[in-house]
């Protein structure tokens, strides 16, 4: 919502242009959420957890509920995606 407020408050462009910017932002965020939460299957579970973690929706406490192997996969992927950074809960 903060991003929407920023788009609206900046006042760049006409009202219709700002509406289109907000619409595009919401459409993109909807796609991101769909990748994280739609179509749960065992074959996609780890990738969806990685996406949730990168979106800061999966805390350290949440992650601790999974096996060490799953935790290592998630942290390893995110570490590689960040160029070796070991920061927890930081977006890609």
Protein backbone atom coordinates (compact mmCIF):
# COMPACT_ATOMS: atom_id res chain seq x y z
CA UNK A 1 0.00 0.00 0.00
CA UNK A 2 2.93 2.31 0.64
CA UNK A 3 3.95 2.00 -3.00
CA UNK A 4 0.43 2.91 -4.11
CA UNK A 5 0.41 5.93 -1.82
CA UNK A 6 3.77 7.04 -3.23
CA UNK A 7 2.53 6.75 -6.83
CA UNK A 8 -0.56 8.78 -6.01
CA UNK A 9 1.14 11.41 -3.86
CA UNK A 10 3.96 12.13 -6.30
CA UNK A 11 1.38 13.66 -8.58
CA UNK A 12 3.30 12.89 -11.75
CA UNK A 13 1.08 12.79 -14.82
CA UNK A 14 -2.65 13.10 -15.10
CA UNK A 15 -5.06 11.33 -12.78
CA UNK A 16 -5.61 8.71 -15.47
CA UNK A 17 -1.85 8.17 -15.90
CA UNK A 18 -1.45 7.71 -12.12
CA UNK A 19 -4.37 5.28 -12.16
CA UNK A 20 -2.63 3.26 -14.89
CA UNK A 21 0.60 3.23 -12.85
CA UNK A 22 -1.26 1.96 -9.79
CA UNK A 23 -3.10 -0.62 -11.88
CA UNK A 24 0.19 -1.91 -13.34
CA UNK A 25 1.79 -2.06 -9.89
CA UNK A 26 -1.12 -4.05 -8.46
CA UNK A 27 -1.15 -6.38 -11.44
CA UNK A 28 2.56 -7.10 -10.95
CA UNK A 29 2.18 -7.65 -7.21
CA UNK A 30 -0.73 -10.01 -7.87
CA UNK A 31 1.49 -12.10 -10.16
CA UNK A 32 4.18 -12.26 -7.47
CA UNK A 33 1.69 -13.43 -4.86
CA UNK A 34 0.26 -15.99 -7.26
CA UNK A 35 3.73 -17.48 -7.79
CA UNK A 36 4.11 -17.85 -4.03
CA UNK A 37 0.67 -19.14 -3.10
CA UNK A 38 -1.11 -20.67 -6.09
CA UNK A 39 -0.94 -24.29 -7.22
CA UNK A 40 0.68 -25.97 -4.20
CA UNK A 41 2.39 -29.23 -5.14
CA UNK A 42 5.23 -31.17 -3.62
CA UNK A 43 7.27 -30.53 -6.75
CA UNK A 44 7.00 -26.75 -6.37
CA UNK A 45 6.94 -26.44 -2.57
CA UNK A 46 10.58 -25.46 -2.05
CA UNK A 47 10.49 -22.89 -4.85
CA UNK A 48 7.32 -21.38 -3.40
CA UNK A 49 8.98 -21.20 0.03
CA UNK A 50 11.97 -19.47 -1.59
CA UNK A 51 9.62 -16.94 -3.17
CA UNK A 52 7.82 -16.38 0.14
CA UNK A 53 11.15 -15.89 1.89
CA UNK A 54 12.37 -13.43 -0.73
CA UNK A 55 9.13 -11.48 -0.29
CA UNK A 56 9.77 -11.38 3.47
CA UNK A 57 6.65 -13.44 4.13
CA UNK A 58 8.52 -16.37 5.73
CA UNK A 59 10.26 -15.50 8.99
CA UNK A 60 13.21 -17.26 10.63
CA UNK A 61 10.71 -18.80 13.06
CA UNK A 62 8.56 -20.08 10.18
CA UNK A 63 11.61 -21.46 8.41
CA UNK A 64 12.69 -23.32 11.56
CA UNK A 65 9.58 -25.49 11.24
CA UNK A 66 11.00 -27.16 8.12
CA UNK A 67 13.64 -29.85 7.88
CA UNK A 68 17.31 -28.89 7.93
CA UNK A 69 17.53 -30.00 4.29
CA UNK A 70 14.69 -27.70 3.23
CA UNK A 71 16.13 -24.81 5.22
CA UNK A 72 19.52 -25.34 3.59
CA UNK A 73 17.97 -25.41 0.11
CA UNK A 74 16.10 -22.16 0.74
CA UNK A 75 19.06 -20.36 2.27
CA UNK A 76 21.45 -21.70 -0.35
CA UNK A 77 19.30 -20.55 -3.25
CA UNK A 78 18.75 -17.10 -1.76
CA UNK A 79 22.44 -16.76 -0.95
CA UNK A 80 23.38 -17.51 -4.56
CA UNK A 81 20.65 -15.18 -5.84
CA UNK A 82 22.09 -12.38 -3.67
CA UNK A 83 25.63 -13.03 -4.79
CA UNK A 84 26.72 -14.87 -1.64
CA UNK A 85 25.08 -12.62 0.96
CA UNK A 86 23.90 -14.52 4.01
CA UNK A 87 21.26 -11.99 5.09
CA UNK A 88 18.00 -13.56 6.19
CA UNK A 89 14.71 -12.21 4.87
CA UNK A 90 16.26 -9.83 2.37
CA UNK A 91 14.57 -9.56 -0.99
CA UNK A 92 16.30 -10.85 -4.08
